[in-house]
Amino acid sequence: MFDYPVNLEAQPEGGYVVTFPDVPEGITQGEDEDEALMYAVEALETALSFYVDARQPLPAVSKAK
């Protein structure tokens, strides 16, 4: 199983945005950290499915910072 690192950024207007450094197609948001990370799982699965559907290799996993 791959463990892709995430960036979790608080937004000035409230909530959090989640992005994946290794998978730029994966982006989501939530009202709080828990909700944002919950949605992040689905966003990552969807983004990786684009690679699978296109028969492209999955992005390499970098180390979390």
PDB file of N, CA and C in Angstrom:
ATOM      1  N   MET A   1       0.834  -1.175   0.000  1.00  0.00           N
ATOM      2  CA  MET A   1       0.000   0.000   0.000  1.00  0.00           C
ATOM      3  C   MET A   1       0.879   1.238   0.000  1.00  0.00           C
ATOM      4  N   PHE A   2       0.417   2.255  -0.710  1.00  0.00           N
ATOM      5  CA  PHE A   2       1.153   3.511  -0.789  1.00  0.00           C
ATOM      6  C   PHE A   2       0.658   4.468   0.282  1.00  0.00           C
ATOM      7  N   ASP A   3       1.565   5.234   0.860  1.00  0.00           N
ATOM      8  CA  ASP A   3       1.221   6.265   1.833  1.00  0.00           C
ATOM      9  C   ASP A   3       1.656   7.607   1.271  1.00  0.00           C
ATOM     10  N   TYR A   4       0.767   8.254   0.540  1.00  0.00           N
ATOM     11  CA  TYR A   4       1.080   9.548  -0.046  1.00  0.00           C
ATOM     12  C   TYR A   4       0.973  10.638   1.013  1.00  0.00           C
ATOM     13  N   PRO A   5       1.991  11.516   1.103  1.00  0.00           N
ATOM     14  CA  PRO A   5       1.904  12.620   2.057  1.00  0.00           C
ATOM     15  C   PRO A   5       0.852  13.630   1.612  1.00  0.00           C
ATOM     16  N   VAL A   6       0.298  14.350   2.581  1.00  0.00           N
ATOM     17  CA  VAL A   6      -0.709  15.378   2.306  1.00  0.00           C
ATOM     18  C   VAL A   6      -0.242  16.716   2.851  1.00  0.00           C
ATOM     19  N   ASN A   7      -0.746  17.774   2.244  1.00  0.00           N
ATOM     20  CA  ASN A   7      -0.606  19.124   2.780  1.00  0.00           C
ATOM     21  C   ASN A   7      -1.981  19.530   3.270  1.00  0.00           C
ATOM     22  N   LEU A   8      -2.068  19.924   4.514  1.00  0.00           N
ATOM     23  CA  LEU A   8      -3.320  20.348   5.131  1.00  0.00           C
ATOM     24  C   LEU A   8      -3.153  21.819   5.501  1.00  0.00           C
ATOM     25  N   GLU A   9      -3.904  22.693   4.816  1.00  0.00           N
ATOM     26  CA  GLU A   9      -3.740  24.126   5.013  1.00  0.00           C
ATOM     27  C   GLU A   9      -5.029  24.760   5.507  1.00  0.00           C
ATOM     28  N   ALA A  10      -4.919  25.436   6.663  1.00  0.00           N
ATOM     29  CA  ALA A  10      -6.059  26.194   7.178  1.00  0.00           C
ATOM     30  C   ALA A  10      -6.309  27.378   6.244  1.00  0.00           C
ATOM     31  N   GLN A  11      -7.571  27.672   6.011  1.00  0.00           N
ATOM     32  CA  GLN A  11      -7.952  28.773   5.137  1.00  0.00           C
ATOM     33  C   GLN A  11      -8.418  29.971   5.970  1.00  0.00           C
ATOM     34  N   PRO A  12      -8.089  31.196   5.527  1.00  0.00           N
ATOM     35  CA  PRO A  12      -8.460  32.382   6.298  1.00  0.00           C
ATOM     36  C   PRO A  12      -9.970  32.504   6.524  1.00  0.00           C
ATOM     37  N   GLU A  13     -10.757  32.064   5.562  1.00  0.00           N
ATOM     38  CA  GLU A  13     -12.214  32.151   5.672  1.00  0.00           C
ATOM     39  C   GLU A  13     -12.811  30.982   6.459  1.00  0.00           C
ATOM     40  N   GLY A  14     -11.965  30.068   6.888  1.00  0.00           N
ATOM     41  CA  GLY A  14     -12.391  28.889   7.645  1.00  0.00           C
ATOM     42  C   GLY A  14     -12.232  27.623   6.832  1.00  0.00           C
ATOM     43  N   GLY A  15     -12.129  26.525   7.504  1.00  0.00           N
ATOM     44  CA  GLY A  15     -11.961  25.237   6.853  1.00  0.00           C
ATOM     45  C   GLY A  15     -10.518  24.960   6.493  1.00  0.00           C
ATOM     46  N   TYR A  16     -10.343  23.815   5.841  1.00  0.00           N
ATOM     47  CA  TYR A  16      -9.012  23.345   5.472  1.00  0.00           C
ATOM     48  C   TYR A  16      -9.025  22.822   4.045  1.00  0.00           C
ATOM     49  N   VAL A  17      -7.920  23.047   3.343  1.00  0.00           N
ATOM     50  CA  VAL A  17      -7.724  22.503   2.003  1.00  0.00           C
ATOM     51  C   VAL A  17      -6.647  21.439   2.094  1.00  0.00           C
ATOM     52  N   VAL A  18      -6.898  20.309   1.429  1.00  0.00           N
ATOM     53  CA  VAL A  18      -5.934  19.210   1.391  1.00  0.00           C
ATOM     54  C   VAL A  18      -5.449  19.033  -0.045  1.00  0.00           C
ATOM     55  N   THR A  19      -4.133  18.967  -0.210  1.00  0.00           N
ATOM     56  CA  THR A  19      -3.524  18.656  -1.505  1.00  0.00           C
ATOM     57  C   THR A  19      -2.487  17.562  -1.288  1.00  0.00           C
ATOM     58  N   PHE A  20      -2.087  16.948  -2.393  1.00  0.00           N
ATOM     59  CA  PHE A  20      -1.093  15.884  -2.368  1.00  0.00           C
ATOM     60  C   PHE A  20       0.086  16.310  -3.227  1.00  0.00           C
ATOM     61  N   PRO A  21       1.285  16.459  -2.647  1.00  0.00           N
ATOM     62  CA  PRO A  21       2.442  16.892  -3.431  1.00  0.00           C
ATOM     63  C   PRO A  21       2.745  15.979  -4.620  1.00  0.00           C
ATOM     64  N   ASP A  22       2.482  14.696  -4.471  1.00  0.00           N
ATOM     65  CA  ASP A  22       2.821  13.734  -5.516  1.00  0.00           C
ATOM     66  C   ASP A  22       1.695  13.496  -6.510  1.00  0.00           C
ATOM     67  N   VAL A  23       0.501  13.931  -6.175  1.00  0.00           N
ATOM     68  CA  VAL A  23      -0.676  13.686  -7.019  1.00  0.00           C
ATOM     69  C   VAL A  23      -1.433  15.010  -7.151  1.00  0.00           C
ATOM     70  N   PRO A  24      -1.022  15.864  -8.085  1.00  0.00           N
ATOM     71  CA  PRO A  24      -1.624  17.196  -8.188  1.00  0.00           C
ATOM     72  C   PRO A  24      -3.121  17.186  -8.499  1.00  0.00           C
ATOM     73  N   GLU A  25      -3.627  16.094  -9.039  1.00  0.00           N
ATOM     74  CA  GLU A  25      -5.056  16.007  -9.337  1.00  0.00           C
ATOM     75  C   GLU A  25      -5.900  15.846  -8.068  1.00  0.00           C
ATOM     76  N   GLY A  26      -5.272  15.465  -6.972  1.00  0.00           N
ATOM     77  CA  GLY A  26      -5.993  15.227  -5.719  1.00  0.00           C
ATOM     78  C   GLY A  26      -6.068  16.489  -4.883  1.00  0.00           C
ATOM     79  N   ILE A  27      -7.243  17.046  -4.774  1.00  0.00           N
ATOM     80  CA  ILE A  27      -7.455  18.239  -3.949  1.00  0.00           C
ATOM     81  C   ILE A  27      -8.870  18.190  -3.391  1.00  0.00           C
ATOM     82  N   THR A  28      -9.012  18.593  -2.137  1.00  0.00           N
ATOM     83  CA  THR A  28     -10.330  18.596  -1.509  1.00  0.00           C
ATOM     84  C   THR A  28     -10.300  19.570  -0.347  1.00  0.00           C
ATOM     85  N   GLN A  29     -11.419  19.663   0.343  1.00  0.00           N
ATOM     86  CA  GLN A  29     -11.500  20.564   1.494  1.00  0.00           C
ATOM     87  C   GLN A  29     -12.504  20.039   2.496  1.00  0.00           C
ATOM     88  N   GLY A  30     -12.462  20.596   3.696  1.00  0.00           N
ATOM     89  CA  GLY A  30     -13.412  20.236   4.735  1.00  0.00           C
ATOM     90  C   GLY A  30     -13.532  21.350   5.741  1.00  0.00           C
ATOM     91  N   GLU A  31     -14.575  21.296   6.547  1.00  0.00           N
ATOM     92  CA  GLU A  31     -14.833  22.330   7.546  1.00  0.00           C
ATOM     93  C   GLU A  31     -13.826  22.297   8.692  1.00  0.00           C
ATOM     94  N   ASP A  32     -13.317  21.095   9.021  1.00  0.00           N
ATOM     95  CA  ASP A  32     -12.302  20.966  10.061  1.00  0.00           C
ATOM     96  C   ASP A  32     -11.265  19.945   9.586  1.00  0.00           C
ATOM     97  N   GLU A  33     -10.213  19.758  10.370  1.00  0.00           N
ATOM     98  CA  GLU A  33      -9.130  18.859   9.963  1.00  0.00           C
ATOM     99  C   GLU A  33      -9.630  17.437   9.724  1.00  0.00           C
ATOM    100  N   ASP A  34     -10.452  16.935  10.624  1.00  0.00           N
ATOM    101  CA  ASP A  34     -10.945  15.560  10.483  1.00  0.00           C
ATOM    102  C   ASP A  34     -11.762  15.380   9.207  1.00  0.00           C
ATOM    103  N   GLU A  35     -12.662  16.319   8.946  1.00  0.00           N
ATOM    104  CA  GLU A  35     -13.484  16.215   7.742  1.00  0.00           C
ATOM    105  C   GLU A  35     -12.634  16.323   6.483  1.00  0.00           C
ATOM    106  N   ALA A  36     -11.676  17.252   6.484  1.00  0.00           N
ATOM    107  CA  ALA A  36     -10.808  17.430   5.318  1.00  0.00           C
ATOM    108  C   ALA A  36     -10.001  16.167   5.040  1.00  0.00           C
ATOM    109  N   LEU A  37      -9.474  15.538   6.073  1.00  0.00           N
ATOM    110  CA  LEU A  37      -8.693  14.316   5.876  1.00  0.00           C
ATOM    111  C   LEU A  37      -9.579  13.139   5.468  1.00  0.00           C
ATOM    112  N   MET A  38     -10.806  13.120   5.943  1.00  0.00           N
ATOM    113  CA  MET A  38     -11.740  12.078   5.521  1.00  0.00           C
ATOM    114  C   MET A  38     -12.005  12.203   4.019  1.00  0.00           C
ATOM    115  N   TYR A  39     -12.257  13.426   3.563  1.00  0.00           N
ATOM    116  CA  TYR A  39     -12.482  13.648   2.135  1.00  0.00           C
ATOM    117  C   TYR A  39     -11.215  13.408   1.319  1.00  0.00           C
ATOM    118  N   ALA A  40     -10.058  13.575   1.959  1.00  0.00           N
ATOM    119  CA  ALA A  40      -8.791  13.382   1.256  1.00  0.00           C
ATOM    120  C   ALA A  40      -8.630  11.956   0.758  1.00  0.00           C
ATOM    121  N   VAL A  41      -9.117  10.998   1.524  1.00  0.00           N
ATOM    122  CA  VAL A  41      -9.023   9.597   1.107  1.00  0.00           C
ATOM    123  C   VAL A  41      -9.755   9.402  -0.220  1.00  0.00           C
ATOM    124  N   GLU A  42     -10.966   9.905  -0.301  1.00  0.00           N
ATOM    125  CA  GLU A  42     -11.750   9.779  -1.536  1.00  0.00           C
ATOM    126  C   GLU A  42     -11.110  10.550  -2.688  1.00  0.00           C
ATOM    127  N   ALA A  43     -10.594  11.739  -2.400  1.00  0.00           N
ATOM    128  CA  ALA A  43      -9.955  12.536  -3.446  1.00  0.00           C
ATOM    129  C   ALA A  43      -8.730  11.816  -4.005  1.00  0.00           C
ATOM    130  N   LEU A  44      -7.943  11.207  -3.129  1.00  0.00           N
ATOM    131  CA  LEU A  44      -6.756  10.485  -3.587  1.00  0.00           C
ATOM    132  C   LEU A  44      -7.152   9.267  -4.411  1.00  0.00           C
ATOM    133  N   GLU A  45      -8.142   8.517  -3.947  1.00  0.00           N
ATOM    134  CA  GLU A  45      -8.599   7.345  -4.709  1.00  0.00           C
ATOM    135  C   GLU A  45      -9.074   7.753  -6.096  1.00  0.00           C
ATOM    136  N   THR A  46      -9.825   8.834  -6.163  1.00  0.00           N
ATOM    137  CA  THR A  46     -10.326   9.305  -7.461  1.00  0.00           C
ATOM    138  C   THR A  46      -9.175   9.749  -8.352  1.00  0.00           C
ATOM    139  N   ALA A  47      -8.252  10.518  -7.804  1.00  0.00           N
ATOM    140  CA  ALA A  47      -7.118  10.994  -8.594  1.00  0.00           C
ATOM    141  C   ALA A  47      -6.270   9.840  -9.113  1.00  0.00           C
ATOM    142  N   LEU A  48      -6.027   8.846  -8.274  1.00  0.00           N
ATOM    143  CA  LEU A  48      -5.229   7.704  -8.724  1.00  0.00           C
ATOM    144  C   LEU A  48      -5.970   6.876  -9.769  1.00  0.00           C
ATOM    145  N   SER A  49      -7.294   6.878  -9.707  1.00  0.00           N
ATOM    146  CA  SER A  49      -8.062   6.136 -10.719  1.00  0.00           C
ATOM    147  C   SER A  49      -7.862   6.727 -12.107  1.00  0.00           C
ATOM    148  N   PHE A  50      -7.581   8.035 -12.180  1.00  0.00           N
ATOM    149  CA  PHE A  50      -7.297   8.648 -13.489  1.00  0.00           C
ATOM    150  C   PHE A  50      -6.074   7.992 -14.118  1.00  0.00           C
ATOM    151  N   TYR A  51      -5.056   7.735 -13.301  1.00  0.00           N
ATOM    152  CA  TYR A  51      -3.836   7.094 -13.799  1.00  0.00           C
ATOM    153  C   TYR A  51      -4.122   5.664 -14.241  1.00  0.00           C
ATOM    154  N   VAL A  52      -4.875   4.953 -13.439  1.00  0.00           N
ATOM    155  CA  VAL A  52      -5.205   3.558 -13.766  1.00  0.00           C
ATOM    156  C   VAL A  52      -6.014   3.503 -15.056  1.00  0.00           C
ATOM    157  N   ASP A  53      -7.034   4.359 -15.164  1.00  0.00           N
ATOM    158  CA  ASP A  53      -7.879   4.369 -16.360  1.00  0.00           C
ATOM    159  C   ASP A  53      -7.086   4.697 -17.622  1.00  0.00           C
ATOM    160  N   ALA A  54      -6.084   5.556 -17.472  1.00  0.00           N
ATOM    161  CA  ALA A  54      -5.248   5.944 -18.614  1.00  0.00           C
ATOM    162  C   ALA A  54      -4.081   4.985 -18.820  1.00  0.00           C
ATOM    163  N   ARG A  55      -4.028   3.944 -17.982  1.00  0.00           N
ATOM    164  CA  ARG A  55      -2.942   2.961 -18.039  1.00  0.00           C
ATOM    165  C   ARG A  55      -1.563   3.616 -17.903  1.00  0.00           C
ATOM    166  N   GLN A  56      -1.507   4.574 -17.005  1.00  0.00           N
ATOM    167  CA  GLN A  56      -0.264   5.282 -16.701  1.00  0.00           C
ATOM    168  C   GLN A  56       0.251   4.794 -15.351  1.00  0.00           C
ATOM    169  N   PRO A  57       1.561   4.838 -15.138  1.00  0.00           N
ATOM    170  CA  PRO A  57       2.086   4.433 -13.829  1.00  0.00           C
ATOM    171  C   PRO A  57       1.616   5.397 -12.745  1.00  0.00           C
ATOM    172  N   LEU A  58       1.404   4.871 -11.554  1.00  0.00           N
ATOM    173  CA  LEU A  58       1.031   5.718 -10.434  1.00  0.00           C
ATOM    174  C   LEU A  58       2.210   6.607 -10.056  1.00  0.00           C
ATOM    175  N   PRO A  59       1.927   7.816  -9.575  1.00  0.00           N
ATOM    176  CA  PRO A  59       3.022   8.697  -9.160  1.00  0.00           C
ATOM    177  C   PRO A  59       3.841   8.070  -8.031  1.00  0.00           C
ATOM    178  N   ALA A  60       5.134   8.355  -8.059  1.00  0.00           N
ATOM    179  CA  ALA A  60       6.016   7.877  -6.992  1.00  0.00           C
ATOM    180  C   ALA A  60       5.658   8.581  -5.690  1.00  0.00           C
ATOM    181  N   VAL A  61       5.841   7.888  -4.595  1.00  0.00           N
ATOM    182  CA  VAL A  61       5.545   8.434  -3.279  1.00  0.00           C
ATOM    183  C   VAL A  61       6.802   9.089  -2.714  1.00  0.00           C
ATOM    184  N   SER A  62       6.664  10.360  -2.323  1.00  0.00           N
ATOM    185  CA  SER A  62       7.791  11.035  -1.689  1.00  0.00           C
ATOM    186  C   SER A  62       7.677  10.886  -0.177  1.00  0.00           C
ATOM    187  N   LYS A  63       8.724  11.248   0.517  1.00  0.00           N
ATOM    188  CA  LYS A  63       8.701  11.199   1.982  1.00  0.00           C
ATOM    189  C   LYS A  63       7.974  12.417   2.507  1.00  0.00           C
ATOM    190  N   ALA A  64       7.207  12.228   3.558  1.00  0.00           N
ATOM    191  CA  ALA A  64       6.507  13.346   4.201  1.00  0.00           C
ATOM    192  C   ALA A  64       7.541  14.274   4.842  1.00  0.00           C
ATOM    193  N   LYS A  65       7.217  15.562   4.824  1.00  0.00           N
ATOM    194  CA  LYS A  65       8.116  16.559   5.423  1.00  0.00           C
ATOM    195  C   LYS A  65       7.641  16.926   6.800  1.00  0.00           C
TER     196      LYS A  65
END
